[in-house]
Amino acid sequence: MLVLSRHRDESIIIGDDIVITVVDIRGDKVRLGIAAPIEISVHRQEVYEAIQRENRQASRLDPQDARRIDRLTGPPLRREPRRTRPETG
């Protein structure tokens, strides 16, 4: 693990496109600002672990339960094709 010291308003850069900035320090809590591309997920560790648990649980879903869920939610909504205006002129 790399350990760095930073003051408020100082940053670290990960790769070419992730910037982590120390926004505030209050007692034993540090507030961080994270700038990352939209395709990179950023979560607190406890949230990430909860997502992983739910994903594992969902992957163990019995196929019959999945069919029951499908029946409850109904068929997917279909959109009407978009109509274009006739060209004039």
N, C-alpha and C. Protein backbone atom coordinates (compact mmCIF):
# COMPACT_ATOMS: atom_id res chain seq x y z
N MET A 1 0.85 -1.18 0.00
CA MET A 1 0.00 0.00 0.00
C MET A 1 0.90 1.24 0.00
N LEU A 2 0.58 2.14 -0.88
CA LEU A 2 1.28 3.43 -0.93
C LEU A 2 0.60 4.37 0.04
N VAL A 3 1.37 5.00 0.91
CA VAL A 3 0.82 5.95 1.88
C VAL A 3 1.37 7.33 1.56
N LEU A 4 0.47 8.30 1.35
CA LEU A 4 0.86 9.65 1.01
C LEU A 4 0.31 10.63 2.03
N SER A 5 1.03 11.71 2.26
CA SER A 5 0.53 12.78 3.12
C SER A 5 0.09 13.93 2.21
N ARG A 6 -1.08 14.47 2.48
CA ARG A 6 -1.60 15.59 1.71
C ARG A 6 -2.25 16.57 2.67
N HIS A 7 -2.20 17.84 2.34
CA HIS A 7 -2.90 18.87 3.09
C HIS A 7 -4.21 19.18 2.37
N ARG A 8 -5.05 19.95 3.03
CA ARG A 8 -6.31 20.35 2.41
C ARG A 8 -6.03 21.05 1.08
N ASP A 9 -6.84 20.79 0.09
CA ASP A 9 -6.74 21.33 -1.27
C ASP A 9 -5.57 20.76 -2.08
N GLU A 10 -4.91 19.75 -1.56
CA GLU A 10 -3.86 19.08 -2.34
C GLU A 10 -4.45 17.79 -2.93
N SER A 11 -3.85 17.35 -4.03
CA SER A 11 -4.41 16.21 -4.77
C SER A 11 -3.37 15.14 -5.02
N ILE A 12 -3.88 13.97 -5.41
CA ILE A 12 -3.04 12.92 -5.98
C ILE A 12 -3.71 12.53 -7.30
N ILE A 13 -2.92 11.99 -8.22
CA ILE A 13 -3.44 11.59 -9.52
C ILE A 13 -3.17 10.10 -9.70
N ILE A 14 -4.20 9.38 -10.14
CA ILE A 14 -4.08 7.96 -10.41
C ILE A 14 -4.25 7.78 -11.92
N GLY A 15 -3.26 7.19 -12.53
CA GLY A 15 -3.29 7.06 -13.99
C GLY A 15 -3.28 8.43 -14.62
N ASP A 16 -3.96 8.55 -15.75
CA ASP A 16 -4.00 9.83 -16.45
C ASP A 16 -5.27 10.62 -16.17
N ASP A 17 -6.28 9.97 -15.56
CA ASP A 17 -7.57 10.64 -15.54
C ASP A 17 -8.35 10.54 -14.23
N ILE A 18 -7.71 10.18 -13.14
CA ILE A 18 -8.39 10.15 -11.85
C ILE A 18 -7.64 11.09 -10.90
N VAL A 19 -8.37 12.05 -10.36
CA VAL A 19 -7.77 13.02 -9.43
C VAL A 19 -8.52 12.94 -8.11
N ILE A 20 -7.78 12.75 -7.03
CA ILE A 20 -8.37 12.71 -5.69
C ILE A 20 -7.82 13.90 -4.93
N THR A 21 -8.74 14.73 -4.43
CA THR A 21 -8.35 15.97 -3.73
C THR A 21 -8.86 15.93 -2.30
N VAL A 22 -8.01 16.35 -1.37
CA VAL A 22 -8.43 16.49 0.03
C VAL A 22 -9.24 17.78 0.10
N VAL A 23 -10.54 17.65 0.36
CA VAL A 23 -11.44 18.79 0.37
C VAL A 23 -11.50 19.43 1.75
N ASP A 24 -11.52 18.58 2.79
CA ASP A 24 -11.65 19.10 4.15
C ASP A 24 -11.12 18.07 5.14
N ILE A 25 -10.66 18.55 6.26
CA ILE A 25 -10.20 17.68 7.35
C ILE A 25 -10.86 18.19 8.62
N ARG A 26 -11.64 17.31 9.26
CA ARG A 26 -12.31 17.66 10.52
C ARG A 26 -12.05 16.56 11.52
N GLY A 27 -11.23 16.84 12.50
CA GLY A 27 -10.91 15.83 13.50
C GLY A 27 -10.25 14.63 12.84
N ASP A 28 -10.88 13.46 13.01
CA ASP A 28 -10.30 12.25 12.43
C ASP A 28 -10.97 11.86 11.10
N LYS A 29 -11.73 12.80 10.50
CA LYS A 29 -12.36 12.53 9.21
C LYS A 29 -11.75 13.41 8.13
N VAL A 30 -11.58 12.78 6.98
CA VAL A 30 -11.05 13.48 5.81
C VAL A 30 -12.12 13.42 4.72
N ARG A 31 -12.45 14.55 4.12
CA ARG A 31 -13.39 14.56 2.99
C ARG A 31 -12.57 14.62 1.71
N LEU A 32 -12.89 13.71 0.80
CA LEU A 32 -12.16 13.62 -0.45
C LEU A 32 -13.08 13.95 -1.62
N GLY A 33 -12.55 14.64 -2.59
CA GLY A 33 -13.25 14.86 -3.84
C GLY A 33 -12.58 14.00 -4.90
N ILE A 34 -13.39 13.31 -5.70
CA ILE A 34 -12.84 12.38 -6.68
C ILE A 34 -13.36 12.77 -8.06
N ALA A 35 -12.45 13.05 -8.97
CA ALA A 35 -12.80 13.33 -10.36
C ALA A 35 -12.31 12.15 -11.19
N ALA A 36 -13.28 11.45 -11.80
CA ALA A 36 -12.94 10.27 -12.60
C ALA A 36 -13.88 10.21 -13.80
N PRO A 37 -13.46 9.54 -14.85
CA PRO A 37 -14.34 9.37 -16.01
C PRO A 37 -15.64 8.67 -15.60
N ILE A 38 -16.71 8.97 -16.28
CA ILE A 38 -18.03 8.44 -15.95
C ILE A 38 -18.06 6.92 -16.00
N GLU A 39 -17.24 6.29 -16.83
CA GLU A 39 -17.26 4.83 -16.94
C GLU A 39 -16.55 4.12 -15.80
N ILE A 40 -15.92 4.87 -14.90
CA ILE A 40 -15.26 4.28 -13.73
C ILE A 40 -16.16 4.45 -12.52
N SER A 41 -16.52 3.33 -11.90
CA SER A 41 -17.36 3.37 -10.70
C SER A 41 -16.53 3.79 -9.50
N VAL A 42 -17.11 4.64 -8.68
CA VAL A 42 -16.46 5.07 -7.45
C VAL A 42 -17.45 4.87 -6.31
N HIS A 43 -17.10 4.02 -5.35
CA HIS A 43 -17.98 3.72 -4.22
C HIS A 43 -17.17 3.73 -2.93
N ARG A 44 -17.86 4.01 -1.83
CA ARG A 44 -17.25 3.75 -0.53
C ARG A 44 -17.13 2.23 -0.40
N GLN A 45 -16.14 1.77 0.36
CA GLN A 45 -15.88 0.34 0.45
C GLN A 45 -17.11 -0.44 0.92
N GLU A 46 -17.81 0.06 1.94
CA GLU A 46 -18.96 -0.68 2.46
C GLU A 46 -20.09 -0.77 1.43
N VAL A 47 -20.23 0.25 0.59
CA VAL A 47 -21.25 0.21 -0.47
C VAL A 47 -20.83 -0.80 -1.54
N TYR A 48 -19.56 -0.78 -1.92
CA TYR A 48 -19.05 -1.73 -2.90
C TYR A 48 -19.25 -3.17 -2.43
N GLU A 49 -18.96 -3.44 -1.16
CA GLU A 49 -19.12 -4.79 -0.62
C GLU A 49 -20.59 -5.20 -0.62
N ALA A 50 -21.50 -4.27 -0.32
CA ALA A 50 -22.94 -4.58 -0.34
C ALA A 50 -23.39 -4.90 -1.77
N ILE A 51 -22.90 -4.16 -2.75
CA ILE A 51 -23.23 -4.43 -4.15
C ILE A 51 -22.74 -5.82 -4.54
N GLN A 52 -21.53 -6.16 -4.14
CA GLN A 52 -20.98 -7.48 -4.47
C GLN A 52 -21.81 -8.59 -3.84
N ARG A 53 -22.23 -8.41 -2.56
CA ARG A 53 -23.06 -9.42 -1.90
C ARG A 53 -24.38 -9.61 -2.65
N GLU A 54 -25.01 -8.49 -3.02
CA GLU A 54 -26.28 -8.57 -3.74
C GLU A 54 -26.11 -9.24 -5.11
N ASN A 55 -25.01 -8.94 -5.79
CA ASN A 55 -24.75 -9.57 -7.08
C ASN A 55 -24.56 -11.08 -6.92
N ARG A 56 -23.82 -11.49 -5.89
CA ARG A 56 -23.64 -12.93 -5.65
C ARG A 56 -24.97 -13.59 -5.34
N GLN A 57 -25.78 -12.94 -4.52
CA GLN A 57 -27.08 -13.49 -4.17
C GLN A 57 -27.98 -13.59 -5.41
N ALA A 58 -27.98 -12.58 -6.24
CA ALA A 58 -28.81 -12.59 -7.44
C ALA A 58 -28.34 -13.68 -8.42
N SER A 59 -27.05 -13.94 -8.45
CA SER A 59 -26.54 -14.97 -9.36
C SER A 59 -26.96 -16.36 -8.92
N ARG A 60 -27.34 -16.51 -7.66
CA ARG A 60 -27.80 -17.80 -7.15
C ARG A 60 -29.32 -17.93 -7.22
N LEU A 61 -29.97 -16.99 -7.85
CA LEU A 61 -31.42 -16.99 -7.95
C LEU A 61 -31.89 -18.24 -8.70
N ASP A 62 -32.85 -18.93 -8.13
CA ASP A 62 -33.42 -20.11 -8.75
C ASP A 62 -34.14 -19.69 -10.04
N PRO A 63 -33.97 -20.44 -11.13
CA PRO A 63 -34.62 -20.07 -12.40
C PRO A 63 -36.14 -19.91 -12.26
N GLN A 64 -36.78 -20.73 -11.41
CA GLN A 64 -38.23 -20.57 -11.22
C GLN A 64 -38.55 -19.23 -10.56
N ASP A 65 -37.71 -18.81 -9.62
CA ASP A 65 -37.92 -17.50 -8.99
C ASP A 65 -37.78 -16.39 -10.02
N ALA A 66 -36.84 -16.53 -10.92
CA ALA A 66 -36.64 -15.51 -11.96
C ALA A 66 -37.88 -15.43 -12.84
N ARG A 67 -38.47 -16.58 -13.18
CA ARG A 67 -39.68 -16.57 -14.00
C ARG A 67 -40.83 -15.91 -13.25
N ARG A 68 -40.92 -16.15 -11.96
CA ARG A 68 -41.98 -15.51 -11.16
C ARG A 68 -41.80 -13.99 -11.15
N ILE A 69 -40.57 -13.54 -11.04
CA ILE A 69 -40.30 -12.10 -11.05
C ILE A 69 -40.71 -11.52 -12.40
N ASP A 70 -40.37 -12.23 -13.48
CA ASP A 70 -40.76 -11.76 -14.82
C ASP A 70 -42.26 -11.62 -14.94
N ARG A 71 -43.01 -12.59 -14.39
CA ARG A 71 -44.47 -12.52 -14.46
C ARG A 71 -45.00 -11.34 -13.67
N LEU A 72 -44.37 -11.02 -12.55
CA LEU A 72 -44.83 -9.90 -11.72
C LEU A 72 -44.57 -8.56 -12.39
N THR A 73 -43.43 -8.46 -13.06
CA THR A 73 -43.07 -7.17 -13.67
C THR A 73 -43.71 -7.00 -15.04
N GLY A 74 -44.15 -8.08 -15.66
CA GLY A 74 -44.81 -7.98 -16.96
C GLY A 74 -43.81 -7.87 -18.09
N PRO A 75 -44.34 -7.85 -19.32
CA PRO A 75 -43.45 -7.78 -20.48
C PRO A 75 -42.81 -6.40 -20.57
N PRO A 76 -41.66 -6.33 -21.23
CA PRO A 76 -41.01 -5.02 -21.38
C PRO A 76 -41.88 -4.09 -22.22
N LEU A 77 -41.81 -2.83 -21.90
CA LEU A 77 -42.58 -1.84 -22.66
C LEU A 77 -42.01 -1.69 -24.06
N ARG A 78 -42.92 -1.59 -25.03
CA ARG A 78 -42.48 -1.37 -26.41
C ARG A 78 -42.80 0.05 -26.78
N ARG A 79 -41.86 0.67 -27.41
CA ARG A 79 -42.07 2.04 -27.87
C ARG A 79 -42.50 2.01 -29.32
N GLU A 80 -43.40 2.93 -29.64
CA GLU A 80 -43.81 3.07 -31.03
C GLU A 80 -42.65 3.67 -31.81
N PRO A 81 -42.48 3.26 -33.07
CA PRO A 81 -41.40 3.86 -33.86
C PRO A 81 -41.63 5.36 -34.02
N ARG A 82 -40.57 6.08 -34.01
CA ARG A 82 -40.65 7.52 -34.14
C ARG A 82 -41.05 7.90 -35.56
N ARG A 83 -42.03 8.75 -35.66
CA ARG A 83 -42.47 9.19 -36.98
C ARG A 83 -41.73 10.44 -37.37
N THR A 84 -41.35 10.48 -38.63
CA THR A 84 -40.64 11.66 -39.11
C THR A 84 -41.61 12.54 -39.87
N ARG A 85 -41.32 13.80 -39.90
CA ARG A 85 -42.17 14.74 -40.65
C ARG A 85 -41.89 14.58 -42.13
N PRO A 86 -42.95 14.66 -42.92
CA PRO A 86 -42.70 14.58 -44.38
C PRO A 86 -41.92 15.80 -44.85
N GLU A 87 -41.03 15.54 -45.76
CA GLU A 87 -40.22 16.64 -46.28
C GLU A 87 -41.08 17.52 -47.17
N THR A 88 -40.88 18.82 -47.03
CA THR A 88 -41.61 19.75 -47.89
C THR A 88 -40.63 20.48 -48.77
N GLY A 89 -41.12 20.82 -49.90
CA GLY A 89 -40.39 21.64 -50.67
C GLY A 89 -39.61 21.67 -51.76
